[in-house]
Amino acid sequence: QVFQAHDASLPEVQRIVHLSFRGTVSQENMVTNLQAELVPLTLGAGTGQVHRGFQDAYLALRKPLLEKLDALTIGQSEQLQPSAVLVRATGHSLGGALAMMACYDLRSCRGFGCECVTFGAPRLGDAVFARLFR
């Protein structure tokens, strides 16, 4: 789900976008969770390795997510600068892994500021990816 807001305590931020990702709810999601082998990261700088199932799941929803975000940011008449957009992402379990992938991607491909809070999220990648994520 995507929500937008504004926070007067962050004057440099003109648009806050809240992303919420749900956790595992189906057998298909369980299969995603079990595809745990590490594969090369295909987003951003492309260094490090990440959980194959989580990366594949994020890539499946990436295009509609970027289209929605573009409509909320660069599609606006005021043409927001990337630094004026803050993405706050959250999720539980599988949703936490997707929230982390989204924050990494949106920071590296769009230049948005990102904050990520997860609950019970599994490890997403190797030490190289962890350093990139921070």
Protein backbone atom coordinates (compact mmCIF):
# COMPACT_ATOMS: atom_id res chain seq x y z
CA GLN A 1 0.00 0.00 0.00
CA VAL A 2 1.15 3.53 -0.71
CA PHE A 3 0.12 6.59 1.29
CA GLN A 4 1.37 10.16 1.07
CA ALA A 5 1.64 12.78 3.80
CA HIS A 6 3.42 15.97 4.84
CA ASP A 7 5.27 16.63 8.10
CA ALA A 8 5.78 20.30 9.03
CA SER A 9 8.69 19.33 11.32
CA LEU A 10 10.69 18.36 8.20
CA PRO A 11 10.66 21.57 6.15
CA GLU A 12 13.10 20.27 3.52
CA VAL A 13 10.77 17.34 2.82
CA GLN A 14 7.84 18.28 0.60
CA ARG A 15 6.35 14.81 0.26
CA ILE A 16 6.39 11.82 2.60
CA VAL A 17 5.39 8.48 1.11
CA HIS A 18 4.49 5.59 3.42
CA LEU A 19 4.92 2.07 2.08
CA SER A 20 3.52 -0.94 3.91
CA PHE A 21 4.32 -4.53 2.94
CA ARG A 22 2.45 -7.50 4.35
CA GLY A 23 4.08 -10.67 5.60
CA THR A 24 3.67 -14.26 4.51
CA VAL A 25 0.02 -15.23 3.99
CA SER A 26 0.02 -17.93 1.30
CA GLN A 27 1.81 -21.03 0.12
CA GLU A 28 3.27 -18.98 -2.73
CA ASN A 29 4.75 -16.60 -0.14
CA MET A 30 6.18 -19.59 1.74
CA VAL A 31 7.90 -20.76 -1.47
CA THR A 32 9.37 -17.24 -1.81
CA ASN A 33 10.69 -17.49 1.76
CA LEU A 34 12.33 -20.84 1.03
CA GLN A 35 14.22 -19.65 -2.09
CA ALA A 36 17.03 -18.66 0.23
CA GLU A 37 20.14 -19.03 -1.92
CA LEU A 38 22.15 -15.84 -2.31
CA VAL A 39 22.25 -14.35 -5.82
CA PRO A 40 23.89 -11.19 -7.18
CA LEU A 41 21.99 -8.00 -6.40
CA THR A 42 20.42 -6.61 -9.58
CA LEU A 43 19.48 -3.18 -8.17
CA GLY A 44 21.51 -0.06 -7.55
CA ALA A 45 25.27 -0.58 -7.58
CA GLY A 46 24.72 -4.30 -8.11
CA THR A 47 27.32 -5.40 -5.60
CA GLY A 48 26.71 -7.91 -2.90
CA GLN A 49 24.34 -10.82 -2.82
CA VAL A 50 20.74 -11.09 -1.65
CA HIS A 51 18.11 -13.74 -0.96
CA ARG A 52 16.81 -14.89 -4.35
CA GLY A 53 13.17 -15.22 -3.31
CA PHE A 54 13.00 -11.75 -1.77
CA GLN A 55 14.71 -10.09 -4.72
CA ASP A 56 12.41 -11.88 -7.19
CA ALA A 57 9.33 -10.90 -5.15
CA TYR A 58 10.42 -7.25 -5.05
CA LEU A 59 11.24 -7.17 -8.75
CA ALA A 60 7.74 -8.51 -9.49
CA LEU A 61 6.14 -5.48 -7.79
CA ARG A 62 8.81 -2.89 -8.64
CA LYS A 63 7.35 -1.52 -11.88
CA PRO A 64 3.87 -0.70 -10.50
CA LEU A 65 5.48 0.68 -7.32
CA LEU A 66 7.75 3.01 -9.30
CA GLU A 67 4.84 4.11 -11.50
CA LYS A 68 2.78 5.01 -8.42
CA LEU A 69 5.69 6.85 -6.80
CA ASP A 70 6.45 8.72 -10.01
CA ALA A 71 2.83 9.85 -10.18
CA LEU A 72 3.11 11.15 -6.60
CA THR A 73 6.46 12.88 -7.11
CA ILE A 74 7.84 13.65 -10.57
CA GLY A 75 4.39 13.56 -12.17
CA GLN A 76 3.25 16.52 -10.08
CA SER A 77 3.14 20.03 -11.47
CA GLU A 78 5.73 21.21 -8.92
CA GLN A 79 8.32 18.64 -10.12
CA LEU A 80 9.67 17.62 -6.72
CA GLN A 81 13.41 17.14 -6.38
CA PRO A 82 14.39 13.66 -5.13
CA SER A 83 15.79 15.16 -1.91
CA ALA A 84 12.33 16.60 -1.18
CA VAL A 85 10.83 13.11 -0.99
CA LEU A 86 11.05 10.89 2.09
CA VAL A 87 9.95 7.26 1.85
CA ARG A 88 9.01 5.50 5.08
CA ALA A 89 8.70 1.76 4.55
CA THR A 90 7.60 -0.94 6.96
CA GLY A 91 6.72 -4.58 6.92
CA HIS A 92 6.66 -7.80 8.89
CA SER A 93 8.53 -10.98 7.96
CA LEU A 94 8.49 -11.24 4.15
CA GLY A 95 7.06 -7.70 4.12
CA GLY A 96 10.07 -6.50 6.11
CA ALA A 97 12.43 -7.92 3.51
CA LEU A 98 10.41 -6.21 0.75
CA ALA A 99 10.46 -2.91 2.67
CA MET A 100 14.24 -3.12 2.90
CA MET A 101 14.58 -3.92 -0.82
CA ALA A 102 12.28 -0.98 -1.64
CA CYS A 103 14.29 1.45 0.50
CA TYR A 104 17.58 0.33 -1.00
CA ASP A 105 16.15 0.59 -4.52
CA LEU A 106 14.41 3.95 -4.09
CA ARG A 107 17.46 5.52 -2.50
CA SER A 108 19.77 4.25 -5.23
CA CYS A 109 17.55 4.63 -8.33
CA ARG A 110 15.50 7.72 -7.41
CA GLY A 111 17.65 9.45 -4.81
CA PHE A 112 14.81 9.57 -2.26
CA GLY A 113 15.48 9.76 1.44
CA CYS A 114 14.38 6.51 3.09
CA GLU A 115 13.52 5.29 6.56
CA CYS A 116 12.80 1.61 7.14
CA VAL A 117 11.24 -0.07 10.17
CA THR A 118 10.74 -3.82 10.06
CA PHE A 119 9.28 -6.39 12.42
CA GLY A 120 10.66 -9.92 12.38
CA ALA A 121 12.35 -9.39 9.02
CA PRO A 122 14.73 -12.14 7.92
CA ARG A 123 18.30 -11.49 6.82
CA LEU A 124 18.17 -10.09 3.31
CA GLY A 125 21.73 -10.34 2.04
CA ASP A 126 25.41 -10.76 2.69
CA ALA A 127 27.78 -8.39 4.49
CA VAL A 128 28.49 -6.43 1.29
CA PHE A 129 24.78 -5.74 0.80
CA ALA A 130 24.42 -4.84 4.50
CA ARG A 131 27.12 -2.16 4.11
CA LEU A 132 25.37 -0.79 1.00
CA PHE A 133 22.03 -0.73 2.80
CA ARG A 134 23.32 1.31 5.71
